[in-house]
Amino acid sequence: MKSLFAPLISSLLLSTLAIPALAGKDMPPSAFFDAAICKPSYSTRHAFDIYDAAEKLGKPDRLSGAAVYHLPAPIKKDGFVAHDVLLASSTIGVLVDGDVAEELAKRYKLAPQKYNIINMSGFARELPDSQQKMKGMGVTYLVALKSSAFKNKTLLACQFVSDEDRKNMELLSED
């Protein structure tokens, strides 16, 4: 169990170096949806831009270890609507209204996810090498996940998974 948390802690410590350079950046609400669909692809610098912008939305609610920020107005994109931004470790996402994982999978060309970790299931797609900004440390995925914790919402997110975390997930899924 201890080995699952070590990579998360080290990535958070490394990424705190970028905080001072990013303080005070304003971002339009649509940027949260763009970040959730990996535009641009996940990077520590962009993640802190998103975290900083989310902090300006107010105090987050906590949901299964994630921070959920409520948007002042819904974001509408590609036929989907989101009222909330979800940030967790190396995941930037939006909570899309409805149980729409299958529709999101069709729209964003996602395949059934290999792993069912923490009572989540859904779809994922590894970004192509040209969009892997942190290659050598891990892999970035676009995911659409269902969970009873989301209550009639679907998580659409850009998710960076370190190489060590991916190995741990493979070990856990062998059971």
C-alpha atoms as a PDB file:
ATOM      1  CA  MET A   1       0.000   0.000   0.000  1.00  0.00           C
ATOM      2  CA  LYS A   2       2.848   2.352   0.822  1.00  0.00           C
ATOM      3  CA  SER A   3       4.242   2.087  -2.719  1.00  0.00           C
ATOM      4  CA  LEU A   4       1.002   3.476  -4.194  1.00  0.00           C
ATOM      5  CA  PHE A   5       1.424   6.822  -2.454  1.00  0.00           C
ATOM      6  CA  ALA A   6       5.166   7.429  -2.942  1.00  0.00           C
ATOM      7  CA  PRO A   7       4.888   8.465  -6.610  1.00  0.00           C
ATOM      8  CA  LEU A   8       2.008  10.833  -5.863  1.00  0.00           C
ATOM      9  CA  ILE A   9       3.907  12.541  -3.072  1.00  0.00           C
ATOM     10  CA  SER A  10       7.080  12.913  -5.133  1.00  0.00           C
ATOM     11  CA  SER A  11       5.196  14.336  -8.132  1.00  0.00           C
ATOM     12  CA  LEU A  12       3.425  16.851  -5.880  1.00  0.00           C
ATOM     13  CA  LEU A  13       6.727  17.928  -4.309  1.00  0.00           C
ATOM     14  CA  LEU A  14       8.381  18.342  -7.703  1.00  0.00           C
ATOM     15  CA  SER A  15       5.462  20.253  -9.117  1.00  0.00           C
ATOM     16  CA  THR A  16       5.337  22.805  -6.268  1.00  0.00           C
ATOM     17  CA  LEU A  17       8.377  24.462  -7.835  1.00  0.00           C
ATOM     18  CA  ALA A  18       6.097  25.947 -10.496  1.00  0.00           C
ATOM     19  CA  ILE A  19       3.602  27.632  -8.134  1.00  0.00           C
ATOM     20  CA  PRO A  20       5.233  31.080  -7.760  1.00  0.00           C
ATOM     21  CA  ALA A  21       5.491  31.582 -11.523  1.00  0.00           C
ATOM     22  CA  LEU A  22       1.787  30.881 -12.038  1.00  0.00           C
ATOM     23  CA  ALA A  23       0.082  32.822  -9.273  1.00  0.00           C
ATOM     24  CA  GLY A  24      -2.575  35.242 -10.388  1.00  0.00           C
ATOM     25  CA  LYS A  25      -3.366  33.904 -13.865  1.00  0.00           C
ATOM     26  CA  ASP A  26      -6.962  34.351 -15.001  1.00  0.00           C
ATOM     27  CA  MET A  27      -8.598  31.729 -17.150  1.00  0.00           C
ATOM     28  CA  PRO A  28     -11.971  31.527 -18.918  1.00  0.00           C
ATOM     29  CA  PRO A  29     -14.316  28.778 -17.633  1.00  0.00           C
ATOM     30  CA  SER A  30     -14.094  26.971 -20.990  1.00  0.00           C
ATOM     31  CA  ALA A  31     -10.402  26.333 -20.232  1.00  0.00           C
ATOM     32  CA  PHE A  32     -11.456  23.805 -17.577  1.00  0.00           C
ATOM     33  CA  PHE A  33     -13.295  21.695 -20.168  1.00  0.00           C
ATOM     34  CA  ASP A  34     -10.379  22.053 -22.591  1.00  0.00           C
ATOM     35  CA  ALA A  35      -7.976  20.863 -19.874  1.00  0.00           C
ATOM     36  CA  ALA A  36     -10.282  17.907 -19.156  1.00  0.00           C
ATOM     37  CA  ILE A  37      -9.970  16.787 -22.797  1.00  0.00           C
ATOM     38  CA  CYS A  38      -6.177  17.228 -22.668  1.00  0.00           C
ATOM     39  CA  LYS A  39      -6.010  20.453 -24.680  1.00  0.00           C
ATOM     40  CA  PRO A  40      -3.233  21.144 -24.004  1.00  0.00           C
ATOM     41  CA  SER A  41      -1.912  17.814 -22.823  1.00  0.00           C
ATOM     42  CA  TYR A  42      -1.201  17.367 -19.118  1.00  0.00           C
ATOM     43  CA  SER A  43       1.918  19.068 -17.811  1.00  0.00           C
ATOM     44  CA  THR A  44       2.844  20.195 -14.320  1.00  0.00           C
ATOM     45  CA  ARG A  45       2.920  23.830 -15.418  1.00  0.00           C
ATOM     46  CA  HIS A  46      -0.548  23.712 -17.003  1.00  0.00           C
ATOM     47  CA  ALA A  47      -1.951  21.761 -14.041  1.00  0.00           C
ATOM     48  CA  PHE A  48      -0.918  24.528 -11.677  1.00  0.00           C
ATOM     49  CA  ASP A  49      -2.491  27.140 -13.965  1.00  0.00           C
ATOM     50  CA  ILE A  50      -5.733  25.152 -13.717  1.00  0.00           C
ATOM     51  CA  TYR A  51      -5.427  24.649  -9.940  1.00  0.00           C
ATOM     52  CA  ASP A  52      -4.798  28.376  -9.461  1.00  0.00           C
ATOM     53  CA  ALA A  53      -7.832  29.301 -11.590  1.00  0.00           C
ATOM     54  CA  ALA A  54     -10.015  26.763  -9.746  1.00  0.00           C
ATOM     55  CA  GLU A  55      -9.018  28.250  -6.372  1.00  0.00           C
ATOM     56  CA  LYS A  56     -10.565  31.534  -7.532  1.00  0.00           C
ATOM     57  CA  LEU A  57     -13.939  29.765  -7.886  1.00  0.00           C
ATOM     58  CA  GLY A  58     -14.240  29.458  -4.117  1.00  0.00           C
ATOM     59  CA  LYS A  59     -13.889  26.774  -1.504  1.00  0.00           C
ATOM     60  CA  PRO A  60     -14.103  23.258  -2.963  1.00  0.00           C
ATOM     61  CA  ASP A  61     -16.219  20.371  -1.802  1.00  0.00           C
ATOM     62  CA  ARG A  62     -14.331  17.140  -1.094  1.00  0.00           C
ATOM     63  CA  LEU A  63     -15.318  13.989  -2.936  1.00  0.00           C
ATOM     64  CA  SER A  64     -13.345  10.766  -2.481  1.00  0.00           C
ATOM     65  CA  GLY A  65     -10.058  12.630  -2.057  1.00  0.00           C
ATOM     66  CA  ALA A  66     -10.708  15.091  -4.880  1.00  0.00           C
ATOM     67  CA  ALA A  67     -11.502  18.791  -4.790  1.00  0.00           C
ATOM     68  CA  VAL A  68     -14.714  19.720  -6.610  1.00  0.00           C
ATOM     69  CA  TYR A  69     -15.155  23.379  -7.548  1.00  0.00           C
ATOM     70  CA  HIS A  70     -18.573  24.673  -8.628  1.00  0.00           C
ATOM     71  CA  LEU A  71     -18.602  26.866 -11.716  1.00  0.00           C
ATOM     72  CA  PRO A  72     -20.587  30.129 -11.674  1.00  0.00           C
ATOM     73  CA  ALA A  73     -22.194  29.115 -15.000  1.00  0.00           C
ATOM     74  CA  PRO A  74     -22.267  25.780 -16.832  1.00  0.00           C
ATOM     75  CA  ILE A  75     -19.713  24.964 -19.511  1.00  0.00           C
ATOM     76  CA  LYS A  76     -21.271  23.595 -22.703  1.00  0.00           C
ATOM     77  CA  LYS A  77     -19.023  21.856 -25.198  1.00  0.00           C
ATOM     78  CA  ASP A  78     -19.425  19.137 -27.821  1.00  0.00           C
ATOM     79  CA  GLY A  79     -23.033  18.559 -26.723  1.00  0.00           C
ATOM     80  CA  PHE A  80     -22.136  18.026 -23.044  1.00  0.00           C
ATOM     81  CA  VAL A  81     -22.715  20.230 -19.995  1.00  0.00           C
ATOM     82  CA  ALA A  82     -20.535  20.523 -16.893  1.00  0.00           C
ATOM     83  CA  HIS A  83     -21.197  22.497 -13.714  1.00  0.00           C
ATOM     84  CA  ASP A  84     -18.175  21.317 -11.722  1.00  0.00           C
ATOM     85  CA  VAL A  85     -14.392  21.049 -12.028  1.00  0.00           C
ATOM     86  CA  LEU A  86     -12.693  18.078 -10.332  1.00  0.00           C
ATOM     87  CA  LEU A  87      -9.016  18.146  -9.387  1.00  0.00           C
ATOM     88  CA  ALA A  88      -7.248  15.184  -7.815  1.00  0.00           C
ATOM     89  CA  SER A  89      -3.516  14.535  -7.689  1.00  0.00           C
ATOM     90  CA  SER A  90      -2.546  14.454 -11.384  1.00  0.00           C
ATOM     91  CA  THR A  91      -6.095  14.500 -12.756  1.00  0.00           C
ATOM     92  CA  ILE A  92      -7.850  17.544 -14.215  1.00  0.00           C
ATOM     93  CA  GLY A  93     -11.476  16.997 -15.064  1.00  0.00           C
ATOM     94  CA  VAL A  94     -15.039  18.180 -15.267  1.00  0.00           C
ATOM     95  CA  LEU A  95     -18.124  16.424 -13.966  1.00  0.00           C
ATOM     96  CA  VAL A  96     -20.397  16.134 -16.987  1.00  0.00           C
ATOM     97  CA  ASP A  97     -24.132  16.062 -16.319  1.00  0.00           C
ATOM     98  CA  GLY A  98     -25.695  12.604 -16.601  1.00  0.00           C
ATOM     99  CA  ASP A  99     -24.519   9.034 -16.912  1.00  0.00           C
ATOM    100  CA  VAL A 100     -22.864   9.698 -20.267  1.00  0.00           C
ATOM    101  CA  ALA A 101     -19.627   7.697 -20.208  1.00  0.00           C
ATOM    102  CA  GLU A 102     -20.583   5.767 -23.348  1.00  0.00           C
ATOM    103  CA  GLU A 103     -21.446   8.966 -25.237  1.00  0.00           C
ATOM    104  CA  LEU A 104     -18.194  10.595 -24.115  1.00  0.00           C
ATOM    105  CA  ALA A 105     -16.321   7.467 -25.218  1.00  0.00           C
ATOM    106  CA  LYS A 106     -17.835   7.702 -28.704  1.00  0.00           C
ATOM    107  CA  ARG A 107     -17.172  11.435 -29.014  1.00  0.00           C
ATOM    108  CA  TYR A 108     -13.543  11.257 -27.835  1.00  0.00           C
ATOM    109  CA  LYS A 109     -12.671   7.806 -29.234  1.00  0.00           C
ATOM    110  CA  LEU A 110     -12.131   6.089 -25.875  1.00  0.00           C
ATOM    111  CA  ALA A 111     -11.941   2.331 -25.316  1.00  0.00           C
ATOM    112  CA  PRO A 112     -13.111   0.322 -22.279  1.00  0.00           C
ATOM    113  CA  GLN A 113     -10.706   0.904 -19.412  1.00  0.00           C
ATOM    114  CA  LYS A 114      -8.429  -1.974 -18.385  1.00  0.00           C
ATOM    115  CA  TYR A 115      -8.481  -1.217 -14.665  1.00  0.00           C
ATOM    116  CA  ASN A 116     -11.349  -0.828 -12.220  1.00  0.00           C
ATOM    117  CA  ILE A 117      -9.679   1.057  -9.411  1.00  0.00           C
ATOM    118  CA  ILE A 118     -11.539   2.607  -6.462  1.00  0.00           C
ATOM    119  CA  ASN A 119     -15.016   1.635  -7.690  1.00  0.00           C
ATOM    120  CA  MET A 120     -14.686   3.540 -10.951  1.00  0.00           C
ATOM    121  CA  SER A 121     -15.204   2.128 -14.386  1.00  0.00           C
ATOM    122  CA  GLY A 122     -15.341   3.600 -17.810  1.00  0.00           C
ATOM    123  CA  PHE A 123     -13.267   4.386 -20.831  1.00  0.00           C
ATOM    124  CA  ALA A 124      -9.774   5.645 -21.592  1.00  0.00           C
ATOM    125  CA  ARG A 125      -7.410   6.515 -24.417  1.00  0.00           C
ATOM    126  CA  GLU A 126      -3.671   6.966 -24.143  1.00  0.00           C
ATOM    127  CA  LEU A 127      -2.601  10.155 -25.865  1.00  0.00           C
ATOM    128  CA  PRO A 128      -0.247   9.762 -28.832  1.00  0.00           C
ATOM    129  CA  ASP A 129       3.493  10.209 -28.242  1.00  0.00           C
ATOM    130  CA  SER A 130       3.391  13.704 -29.772  1.00  0.00           C
ATOM    131  CA  GLN A 131       1.080  14.785 -26.917  1.00  0.00           C
ATOM    132  CA  GLN A 132       2.971  13.084 -24.083  1.00  0.00           C
ATOM    133  CA  LYS A 133       4.646  16.075 -22.407  1.00  0.00           C
ATOM    134  CA  MET A 134       5.992  14.064 -19.465  1.00  0.00           C
ATOM    135  CA  LYS A 135       7.246  10.997 -21.324  1.00  0.00           C
ATOM    136  CA  GLY A 136       9.766   9.042 -19.306  1.00  0.00           C
ATOM    137  CA  MET A 137       7.844   9.764 -16.097  1.00  0.00           C
ATOM    138  CA  GLY A 138       4.487   8.309 -17.076  1.00  0.00           C
ATOM    139  CA  VAL A 139       1.600   8.386 -19.523  1.00  0.00           C
ATOM    140  CA  THR A 140      -1.266  10.821 -20.071  1.00  0.00           C
ATOM    141  CA  TYR A 141      -4.774   9.472 -20.725  1.00  0.00           C
ATOM    142  CA  LEU A 142      -8.121  10.967 -21.609  1.00  0.00           C
ATOM    143  CA  VAL A 143     -10.755   9.202 -19.488  1.00  0.00           C
ATOM    144  CA  ALA A 144     -14.517   9.093 -18.982  1.00  0.00           C
ATOM    145  CA  LEU A 145     -15.318   7.420 -15.667  1.00  0.00           C
ATOM    146  CA  LYS A 146     -18.481   6.374 -13.859  1.00  0.00           C
ATOM    147  CA  SER A 147     -18.760   6.079 -10.100  1.00  0.00           C
ATOM    148  CA  SER A 148     -21.596   6.005  -7.603  1.00  0.00           C
ATOM    149  CA  ALA A 149     -19.757   8.845  -5.836  1.00  0.00           C
ATOM    150  CA  PHE A 150     -20.513  11.184  -8.769  1.00  0.00           C
ATOM    151  CA  LYS A 151     -24.341  10.947  -8.428  1.00  0.00           C
ATOM    152  CA  ASN A 152     -25.654  11.196 -11.999  1.00  0.00           C
ATOM    153  CA  LYS A 153     -22.463  12.758 -13.331  1.00  0.00           C
ATOM    154  CA  THR A 154     -19.572  11.384 -15.348  1.00  0.00           C
ATOM    155  CA  LEU A 155     -15.949  12.377 -14.887  1.00  0.00           C
ATOM    156  CA  LEU A 156     -14.270  13.495 -18.099  1.00  0.00           C
ATOM    157  CA  ALA A 157     -10.594  14.035 -17.355  1.00  0.00           C
ATOM    158  CA  CYS A 158      -7.043  14.350 -18.502  1.00  0.00           C
ATOM    159  CA  GLN A 159      -5.088  12.040 -16.249  1.00  0.00           C
ATOM    160  CA  PHE A 160      -1.349  11.612 -15.858  1.00  0.00           C
ATOM    161  CA  VAL A 161      -0.347   8.207 -14.494  1.00  0.00           C
ATOM    162  CA  SER A 162       3.267   7.737 -13.436  1.00  0.00           C
ATOM    163  CA  ASP A 163       5.104   4.646 -14.614  1.00  0.00           C
ATOM    164  CA  GLU A 164       5.254   3.371 -11.034  1.00  0.00           C
ATOM    165  CA  ASP A 165       1.522   3.908 -10.458  1.00  0.00           C
ATOM    166  CA  ARG A 166       0.736   2.106 -13.715  1.00  0.00           C
ATOM    167  CA  LYS A 167       2.820  -0.893 -12.599  1.00  0.00           C
ATOM    168  CA  ASN A 168       0.979  -0.904  -9.263  1.00  0.00           C
ATOM    169  CA  MET A 169      -2.411  -0.815 -11.009  1.00  0.00           C
ATOM    170  CA  GLU A 170      -1.369  -3.768 -13.165  1.00  0.00           C
ATOM    171  CA  LEU A 171      -0.382  -5.699 -10.040  1.00  0.00           C
ATOM    172  CA  LEU A 172      -3.690  -4.887  -8.337  1.00  0.00           C
ATOM    173  CA  SER A 173      -5.714  -5.920 -11.380  1.00  0.00           C
ATOM    174  CA  GLU A 174      -4.062  -9.370 -11.469  1.00  0.00           C
ATOM    175  CA  ASP A 175      -6.067 -10.423  -8.384  1.00  0.00           C
END
